[in-house]
Protein backbone atom coordinates (compact mmCIF):
# COMPACT_ATOMS: atom_id res chain seq x y z
CA UNK A 1 0.06 0.21 0.13
CA UNK A 2 1.21 3.50 -1.01
CA UNK A 3 1.15 6.15 1.64
CA UNK A 4 0.74 9.78 0.15
CA UNK A 5 3.70 11.99 0.54
CA UNK A 6 4.45 15.45 -0.46
CA UNK A 7 7.70 17.27 -0.83
CA UNK A 8 8.39 21.09 -0.21
CA UNK A 9 11.42 22.16 -2.24
CA UNK A 10 11.87 25.62 -0.99
CA UNK A 11 12.92 25.90 2.88
CA UNK A 12 11.24 29.63 2.67
CA UNK A 13 7.96 28.48 1.35
CA UNK A 14 7.78 25.96 4.17
CA UNK A 15 8.25 28.49 6.58
CA UNK A 16 6.02 30.44 5.05
CA UNK A 17 3.29 27.83 4.89
CA UNK A 18 3.64 27.13 8.52
CA UNK A 19 3.40 30.76 9.45
CA UNK A 20 0.43 31.22 7.29
CA UNK A 21 -1.27 27.86 9.30
CA UNK A 22 -0.38 29.59 12.74
CA UNK A 23 -1.81 32.87 12.00
CA UNK A 24 -4.91 31.22 10.47
CA UNK A 25 -5.13 29.16 13.72
CA UNK A 26 -4.43 32.51 16.01
CA UNK A 27 -7.03 33.99 13.79
CA UNK A 28 -9.66 31.38 14.51
CA UNK A 29 -8.89 31.45 18.45
CA UNK A 30 -9.36 35.42 18.52
CA UNK A 31 -12.73 34.78 16.65
CA UNK A 32 -13.86 32.25 19.19
CA UNK A 33 -12.61 34.38 22.33
CA UNK A 34 -14.37 37.52 20.82
CA UNK A 35 -17.30 34.97 20.12
CA UNK A 36 -17.68 34.01 23.68
CA UNK A 37 -17.25 37.94 24.88
CA UNK A 38 -19.86 38.85 22.60
CA UNK A 39 -22.33 35.53 23.77
CA UNK A 40 -21.89 37.11 27.27
CA UNK A 41 -22.66 40.32 26.18
CA UNK A 42 -25.92 39.34 24.46
CA UNK A 43 -27.16 37.62 27.16
CA UNK A 44 -26.59 40.28 29.83
CA UNK A 45 -27.74 43.24 27.57
CA UNK A 46 -30.82 41.35 25.89
CA UNK A 47 -33.68 43.96 26.00
CA UNK A 48 -36.61 41.65 26.43
CA UNK A 49 -38.14 40.63 29.73
CA UNK A 50 -37.57 37.18 30.63
CA UNK A 51 -40.50 34.82 31.45
CA UNK A 52 -38.75 31.51 31.38
CA UNK A 53 -35.21 32.41 30.79
CA UNK A 54 -34.94 29.86 27.89
CA UNK A 55 -34.46 32.59 25.28
CA UNK A 56 -31.55 34.23 26.97
CA UNK A 57 -30.07 30.60 27.77
CA UNK A 58 -30.65 29.71 24.28
CA UNK A 59 -28.41 32.20 22.60
CA UNK A 60 -25.19 30.92 21.65
CA UNK A 61 -22.51 31.08 19.04
CA UNK A 62 -20.43 29.10 16.57
CA UNK A 63 -17.18 29.38 14.48
CA UNK A 64 -16.77 27.82 11.08
CA UNK A 65 -13.84 28.24 8.70
CA UNK A 66 -13.21 27.49 5.40
CA UNK A 67 -10.06 28.09 3.17
CA UNK A 68 -11.19 31.72 2.37
CA UNK A 69 -12.97 33.02 5.43
CA UNK A 70 -13.97 32.69 9.20
CA UNK A 71 -17.17 32.92 10.32
CA UNK A 72 -18.72 33.84 13.60
CA UNK A 73 -22.60 32.85 14.13
CA UNK A 74 -24.76 33.99 16.96
CA UNK A 75 -28.33 32.29 17.21
CA UNK A 76 -31.08 31.53 19.16
CA UNK A 77 -31.91 27.73 19.90
CA UNK A 78 -35.59 28.63 20.87
CA UNK A 79 -37.98 28.51 18.13
CA UNK A 80 -39.38 31.93 19.02
CA UNK A 81 -35.74 33.69 18.88
CA UNK A 82 -36.30 34.87 15.38
CA UNK A 83 -39.39 36.66 16.49
CA UNK A 84 -37.70 38.35 19.35
CA UNK A 85 -34.87 40.02 16.84
CA UNK A 86 -37.81 41.33 14.34
CA UNK A 87 -40.86 42.38 16.54
CA UNK A 88 -41.49 45.87 17.02
CA UNK A 89 -39.10 46.49 14.16
CA UNK A 90 -36.23 45.28 15.95
CA UNK A 91 -36.44 47.06 19.10
CA UNK A 92 -35.76 43.65 21.08
CA UNK A 93 -32.83 42.55 18.77
CA UNK A 94 -29.88 41.56 20.32
CA UNK A 95 -27.81 39.59 17.59
CA UNK A 96 -27.06 41.94 15.13
CA UNK A 97 -26.39 44.94 17.36
CA UNK A 98 -23.99 42.67 19.22
CA UNK A 99 -22.60 41.55 16.29
CA UNK A 100 -21.85 44.70 14.89
CA UNK A 101 -19.98 45.97 18.13
CA UNK A 102 -18.04 42.73 18.40
CA UNK A 103 -17.10 42.73 14.76
CA UNK A 104 -15.02 45.84 15.15
CA UNK A 105 -13.32 44.14 18.23
CA UNK A 106 -12.50 41.14 16.21
CA UNK A 107 -10.76 43.16 13.53
CA UNK A 108 -8.80 45.11 16.25
CA UNK A 109 -7.51 42.42 17.92
CA UNK A 110 -6.44 40.56 14.33
CA UNK A 111 -4.82 43.88 13.01
CA UNK A 112 -2.83 44.29 16.20
């Protein structure tokens, strides 16, 4: 059985590739770290009045990455979460305002 392999002929190319992988990993960690901070903020600042606490407890974030992008997603896990975001022309929205605020923080940390 043949084992797949590859060769890098240029030591500089290998160093650049390793640096790129490390930078990508650091960026993913930064996005996740800020995402957790954003989630805490959203749970604390959600403008609706709790009845059961399920909507607040059901806010969550995920980080996904592909070759071209890293995506932070904040979402509700309760079925009426979308309604909370759009009712009264978004007066009770917490997701977009939080992502807009923390998006700038992600950019600042990655650029520093």
